[in-house]
Protein backbone atom coordinates (compact mmCIF):
# COMPACT_ATOMS: atom_id res chain seq x y z
CA UNK A 1 104.87 82.26 93.15
CA UNK A 2 102.08 81.91 95.81
CA UNK A 3 98.29 82.43 95.67
CA UNK A 4 96.96 84.90 98.09
CA UNK A 5 94.03 82.87 99.21
CA UNK A 6 96.03 79.72 99.59
CA UNK A 7 98.69 81.65 101.56
CA UNK A 8 96.10 83.17 104.03
CA UNK A 9 94.51 79.76 104.62
CA UNK A 10 97.66 77.76 105.15
CA UNK A 11 99.99 80.21 106.79
CA UNK A 12 97.86 82.90 108.57
CA UNK A 13 94.55 81.38 109.40
CA UNK A 14 96.38 78.90 111.76
CA UNK A 15 97.69 81.99 113.71
CA UNK A 16 94.33 83.58 113.90
CA UNK A 17 92.91 81.56 116.96
CA UNK A 18 90.66 84.23 118.50
CA UNK A 19 86.96 83.59 117.53
CA UNK A 20 86.55 87.04 116.43
CA UNK A 21 89.09 86.37 113.60
CA UNK A 22 86.42 84.08 111.98
CA UNK A 23 89.35 82.05 110.92
CA UNK A 24 90.29 84.74 108.40
CA UNK A 25 87.60 83.34 106.03
CA UNK A 26 85.54 86.57 106.19
CA UNK A 27 85.98 90.21 105.26
CA UNK A 28 86.15 91.50 108.85
CA UNK A 29 86.80 90.66 112.52
CA UNK A 30 84.16 90.95 115.12
CA UNK A 31 84.98 91.95 118.73
CA UNK A 32 81.69 92.27 120.73
CA UNK A 33 79.83 95.01 118.97
CA UNK A 34 82.86 96.30 116.92
CA UNK A 35 83.64 95.12 113.36
CA UNK A 36 87.08 95.63 112.11
CA UNK A 37 88.52 95.54 108.56
CA UNK A 38 91.58 96.48 106.68
CA UNK A 39 92.69 96.69 103.14
CA UNK A 40 95.67 98.34 101.31
CA UNK A 41 95.67 99.80 97.67
CA UNK A 42 98.97 99.92 95.86
CA UNK A 43 99.95 101.94 92.74
CA UNK A 44 99.75 99.91 89.60
CA UNK A 45 97.72 97.34 91.15
CA UNK A 46 94.62 99.04 92.52
CA UNK A 47 94.96 102.43 90.92
CA UNK A 48 96.75 103.87 88.10
CA UNK A 49 100.02 106.13 88.60
CA UNK A 50 98.31 109.17 86.96
CA UNK A 51 94.98 108.86 88.90
CA UNK A 52 94.21 112.23 90.64
CA UNK A 53 95.75 111.79 94.09
CA UNK A 54 92.51 112.96 95.77
CA UNK A 55 90.76 109.79 94.38
CA UNK A 56 93.45 107.65 95.64
CA UNK A 57 92.74 108.79 99.11
CA UNK A 58 88.92 108.31 98.59
CA UNK A 59 89.23 104.87 97.03
CA UNK A 60 91.55 103.77 99.90
CA UNK A 61 88.76 104.66 102.47
CA UNK A 62 85.88 103.65 100.37
CA UNK A 63 86.99 100.06 99.66
CA UNK A 64 87.23 99.48 103.39
CA UNK A 65 83.78 101.13 104.10
CA UNK A 66 82.33 98.73 101.65
CA UNK A 67 83.46 95.80 103.87
CA UNK A 68 81.88 97.50 106.75
CA UNK A 69 78.61 97.88 104.95
CA UNK A 70 78.70 94.26 103.96
CA UNK A 71 78.84 93.31 107.61
CA UNK A 72 75.75 95.42 108.51
CA UNK A 73 77.70 98.02 110.43
CA UNK A 74 78.41 101.63 110.36
CA UNK A 75 81.98 103.30 110.70
CA UNK A 76 82.95 104.88 113.91
CA UNK A 77 86.59 105.34 113.34
CA UNK A 78 89.54 105.18 110.66
CA UNK A 79 93.28 104.47 110.87
CA UNK A 80 95.40 105.51 107.74
CA UNK A 81 98.92 104.33 106.82
CA UNK A 82 100.39 106.40 104.05
CA UNK A 83 103.55 104.96 102.26
CA UNK A 84 104.76 107.82 100.15
CA UNK A 85 107.35 107.15 97.46
CA UNK A 86 110.71 109.21 97.79
CA UNK A 87 110.56 110.23 94.07
CA UNK A 88 106.98 111.65 94.17
CA UNK A 89 106.26 115.36 94.84
CA UNK A 90 105.59 115.78 98.55
CA UNK A 91 103.35 118.73 97.61
CA UNK A 92 100.64 116.14 96.42
CA UNK A 93 100.27 114.96 100.16
CA UNK A 94 98.14 117.96 100.88
CA UNK A 95 95.77 117.16 98.07
CA UNK A 96 95.65 113.60 99.21
CA UNK A 97 94.79 114.81 102.78
CA UNK A 98 92.01 117.08 101.28
CA UNK A 99 90.39 114.18 99.40
CA UNK A 100 90.47 112.13 102.56
CA UNK A 101 89.17 114.80 104.66
CA UNK A 102 86.15 115.26 102.44
CA UNK A 103 85.16 111.58 102.41
CA UNK A 104 85.65 111.31 106.19
CA UNK A 105 83.10 113.84 106.67
CA UNK A 106 80.85 112.51 103.98
CA UNK A 107 80.69 109.07 105.50
CA UNK A 108 80.83 110.21 109.07
CA UNK A 109 84.15 108.25 109.86
CA UNK A 110 86.57 110.26 112.02
CA UNK A 111 90.20 109.75 111.73
CA UNK A 112 91.67 108.29 114.77
CA UNK A 113 95.38 107.75 113.85
CA UNK A 114 97.73 105.96 111.59
CA UNK A 115 101.34 106.27 110.27
CA UNK A 116 103.30 107.96 107.55
CA UNK A 117 106.52 106.44 106.07
CA UNK A 118 108.83 106.85 103.18
CA UNK A 119 109.20 104.16 100.57
CA UNK A 120 111.21 103.63 97.43
CA UNK A 121 107.84 102.98 95.91
CA UNK A 122 105.32 102.49 94.65
CA UNK A 123 102.71 104.62 96.50
CA UNK A 124 100.61 102.54 98.87
CA UNK A 125 97.78 103.31 101.39
CA UNK A 126 96.41 101.13 103.99
CA UNK A 127 93.16 101.81 105.83
CA UNK A 128 91.60 100.14 108.89
CA UNK A 129 88.12 100.98 109.65
CA UNK A 130 86.36 100.36 112.93
CA UNK A 131 82.57 99.79 112.54
CA UNK A 132 79.64 99.45 115.08
CA UNK A 133 77.28 96.57 114.28
CA UNK A 134 73.76 97.59 113.58
CA UNK A 135 72.53 94.09 114.41
CA UNK A 136 73.71 90.63 113.47
CA UNK A 137 77.12 90.44 111.63
CA UNK A 138 76.58 88.08 108.72
CA UNK A 139 79.56 85.87 107.72
CA UNK A 140 80.36 84.30 104.31
CA UNK A 141 79.69 80.86 105.80
CA UNK A 142 76.02 81.65 107.06
CA UNK A 143 74.06 80.91 103.88
CA UNK A 144 71.50 78.18 103.94
CA UNK A 145 70.08 75.90 101.18
CA UNK A 146 66.88 77.48 99.53
CA UNK A 147 67.71 81.12 99.99
CA UNK A 148 67.83 83.91 97.46
CA UNK A 149 71.15 85.51 96.18
CA UNK A 150 71.08 89.14 95.95
CA UNK A 151 73.45 92.04 94.81
CA UNK A 152 73.17 95.77 95.01
CA UNK A 153 73.81 98.13 92.13
CA UNK A 154 75.39 97.09 88.91
CA UNK A 155 78.20 94.73 87.99
CA UNK A 156 81.27 95.29 85.84
CA UNK A 157 81.45 99.03 85.83
CA UNK A 158 84.78 99.21 87.54
CA UNK A 159 86.34 96.90 85.22
CA UNK A 160 84.94 98.88 82.14
CA UNK A 161 86.26 102.14 83.68
CA UNK A 162 89.77 100.65 84.03
CA UNK A 163 89.60 99.36 80.43
CA UNK A 164 88.40 102.84 79.17
CA UNK A 165 91.48 104.52 80.94
CA UNK A 166 93.67 101.92 79.47
CA UNK A 167 92.29 102.48 75.93
CA UNK A 168 91.05 99.01 75.45
CA UNK A 169 87.43 99.68 74.62
CA UNK A 170 87.16 99.60 71.00
CA UNK A 171 84.20 101.84 70.49
CA UNK A 172 83.72 105.38 71.42
CA UNK A 173 81.91 106.03 74.69
CA UNK A 174 79.79 109.13 75.34
CA UNK A 175 81.34 111.69 77.62
CA UNK A 176 78.68 110.89 80.26
CA UNK A 177 79.26 107.14 80.02
CA UNK A 178 83.07 107.58 80.17
CA UNK A 179 82.85 109.79 83.27
CA UNK A 180 80.42 107.24 84.96
CA UNK A 181 82.74 104.35 84.30
CA UNK A 182 85.86 106.21 85.50
CA UNK A 183 84.06 107.26 88.67
CA UNK A 184 83.14 103.67 89.41
CA UNK A 185 86.64 102.62 89.08
CA UNK A 186 88.23 105.46 90.93
CA UNK A 187 85.88 106.27 93.61
CA UNK A 188 83.49 103.34 94.26
CA UNK A 189 80.37 104.02 96.36
CA UNK A 190 80.32 102.08 99.61
CA UNK A 191 76.62 100.97 100.21
CA UNK A 192 76.35 102.22 103.87
CA UNK A 193 72.72 103.14 103.31
CA UNK A 194 71.81 99.64 102.86
CA UNK A 195 73.89 98.35 105.98
CA UNK A 196 70.94 98.33 108.44
CA UNK A 197 69.09 95.94 105.75
CA UNK A 198 72.07 93.63 105.67
CA UNK A 199 71.99 93.40 109.60
CA UNK A 200 68.29 92.67 109.62
CA UNK A 201 67.84 90.32 106.59
CA UNK A 202 71.08 88.97 105.29
CA UNK A 203 72.19 85.35 106.27
CA UNK A 204 75.54 85.45 104.47
CA UNK A 205 77.11 88.67 103.13
CA UNK A 206 80.28 90.05 101.44
CA UNK A 207 81.34 92.98 99.36
CA UNK A 208 82.33 92.38 95.78
CA UNK A 209 86.07 93.18 95.25
CA UNK A 210 87.37 90.25 93.11
CA UNK A 211 84.49 89.73 90.64
CA UNK A 212 80.92 88.47 91.17
CA UNK A 213 81.66 84.99 89.93
CA UNK A 214 84.54 84.30 92.28
CA UNK A 215 82.94 85.97 95.21
CA UNK A 216 79.74 84.03 94.85
CA UNK A 217 82.03 80.95 94.88
CA UNK A 218 83.52 82.15 98.08
CA UNK A 219 80.04 82.25 99.82
CA UNK A 220 79.20 78.78 98.33
CA UNK A 221 82.50 77.24 99.55
CA UNK A 222 82.27 78.85 103.06
CA UNK A 223 78.61 77.79 103.46
CA UNK A 224 79.15 74.27 102.24
CA UNK A 225 76.48 74.48 99.41
CA UNK A 226 75.99 75.37 95.69
CA UNK A 227 74.68 78.44 94.08
CA UNK A 228 72.96 78.83 90.70
CA UNK A 229 72.98 82.25 89.12
CA UNK A 230 70.43 83.62 86.54
CA UNK A 231 72.43 85.37 83.98
CA UNK A 232 69.43 87.44 82.77
CA UNK A 233 69.15 88.80 86.22
CA UNK A 234 72.71 90.08 86.51
CA UNK A 235 72.33 93.86 86.84
CA UNK A 236 74.19 95.96 84.31
CA UNK A 237 74.40 99.65 83.80
CA UNK A 238 73.60 101.28 80.47
CA UNK A 239 77.19 101.34 79.51
CA UNK A 240 77.71 97.67 80.67
CA UNK A 241 74.69 96.65 78.45
CA UNK A 242 76.10 98.58 75.62
CA UNK A 243 79.39 96.82 76.06
CA UNK A 244 77.71 93.39 75.96
CA UNK A 245 75.69 94.55 72.75
CA UNK A 246 79.13 95.16 71.14
CA UNK A 247 80.22 91.69 71.76
CA UNK A 248 81.54 91.72 75.23
CA UNK A 249 80.74 88.68 77.41
CA UNK A 250 78.65 89.09 80.59
CA UNK A 251 81.07 86.48 82.20
CA UNK A 252 83.92 89.03 81.81
CA UNK A 253 81.84 91.69 83.57
CA UNK A 254 81.20 89.09 86.34
CA UNK A 255 84.94 88.43 86.78
CA UNK A 256 86.49 91.91 86.50
CA UNK A 257 86.42 92.93 90.21
CA UNK A 258 86.37 96.48 91.54
CA UNK A 259 82.63 96.42 91.88
CA UNK A 260 82.35 97.14 95.65
CA UNK A 261 78.75 96.23 95.79
CA UNK A 262 76.94 94.07 98.42
CA UNK A 263 76.46 90.33 97.70
CA UNK A 264 74.21 88.61 100.18
CA UNK A 265 71.76 85.66 100.79
CA UNK A 266 68.39 85.84 102.43
CA UNK A 267 65.32 83.76 103.01
CA UNK A 268 62.69 83.97 100.33
CA UNK A 269 60.25 85.37 102.88
CA UNK A 270 62.27 88.58 103.00
CA UNK A 271 61.94 89.50 99.32
CA UNK A 272 59.36 92.34 99.57
CA UNK A 273 61.12 93.67 102.76
CA UNK A 274 64.49 93.79 101.02
CA UNK A 275 63.08 95.42 97.85
CA UNK A 276 61.48 98.13 100.00
CA UNK A 277 64.70 98.62 101.93
CA UNK A 278 66.42 99.19 98.56
CA UNK A 279 63.99 101.82 97.71
CA UNK A 280 64.40 103.44 101.10
CA UNK A 281 68.15 103.37 100.63
CA UNK A 282 67.71 104.69 97.02
CA UNK A 283 69.73 101.63 95.71
CA UNK A 284 68.91 99.08 93.16
CA UNK A 285 68.84 95.49 94.67
CA UNK A 286 68.65 92.53 92.39
CA UNK A 287 67.77 88.93 93.02
CA UNK A 288 70.19 86.98 91.00
CA UNK A 289 70.28 83.36 91.98
CA UNK A 290 69.36 80.73 94.64
CA UNK A 291 71.42 78.58 96.84
CA UNK A 292 70.95 74.70 96.60
CA UNK A 293 72.38 71.47 97.97
CA UNK A 294 75.85 70.58 96.53
CA UNK A 295 78.93 72.47 95.73
CA UNK A 296 80.26 75.10 93.28
CA UNK A 297 78.66 77.79 91.15
CA UNK A 298 76.53 77.39 87.98
CA UNK A 299 74.91 79.89 85.70
CA UNK A 300 71.51 78.92 84.28
CA UNK A 301 72.35 75.44 85.44
CA UNK A 302 75.58 75.14 83.57
CA UNK A 303 79.21 75.29 84.93
CA UNK A 304 80.22 78.93 84.94
CA UNK A 305 83.26 79.84 82.92
CA UNK A 306 84.30 82.85 84.77
CA UNK A 307 87.30 83.76 87.04
CA UNK A 308 88.06 86.77 89.13
CA UNK A 309 91.10 88.69 90.41
CA UNK A 310 93.71 86.88 92.72
CA UNK A 311 97.07 88.40 93.85
CA UNK A 312 100.01 86.21 92.86
CA UNK A 313 102.70 86.64 95.74
CA UNK A 314 106.36 86.59 94.99
CA UNK A 315 107.99 84.37 92.45
């Protein structure tokens, strides 16, 4: 069994010799003013077999748009590869296309091409998004000691949505909270309205896909510094706070993944400007920690006991 991150670092990063590849240590490649990213979602891994097919199309697009937003760019084109199981009703493809079409228009990202292919299964969708930089394109490795650590939105809702769909939340959710959490899991909201602020103010930036605790560690490791988080400042939704009140650990919400929020660092002098940019974008932005000399991630000064999602490859 191979770890996905070790596999990339050992086997594929040595092949990526172009400077635009950023040594495969970032969420996107940069070619001049273009920002390129690609991600696949797979049935049973990134979405449930009975998720509505329209939401599968939307999630496949949105997780890639989230990477574009994290690099301070706007989408200008999309490529889609659809791998359709031979045992799945072909009539669903039309509904998939409708869901995709609605989001392409919503986010101003025209479809430029792609591929369709049959597979014995499961269903998989790969999306490549081409973006246009709105300014500087921050990398994970660009954080500096003495900066603030910020995150948009709230943390842990995607994980709770998946838990609710799997029946593993022990208490009853209101209909409103259940719908909210399911929506956060099935159709995350790419924070494109904040992309220009990322380009203007972020030193290091990435999107949250594998859990806050793990992704903060990626910025710390890439930038060669330490990060201390303030647990009380971690932003939670009302359902998230209720889950913690019922005995859930905030560290679990920081480890669950599927947040697709923006995680970034910035100079303290930019605090007021960043908060104003959040208000302009209609988006909550929270200051959750500080970069410092050293290595690793702590929370309130103590070693953090939290993990994140990693793909195990093969056997």
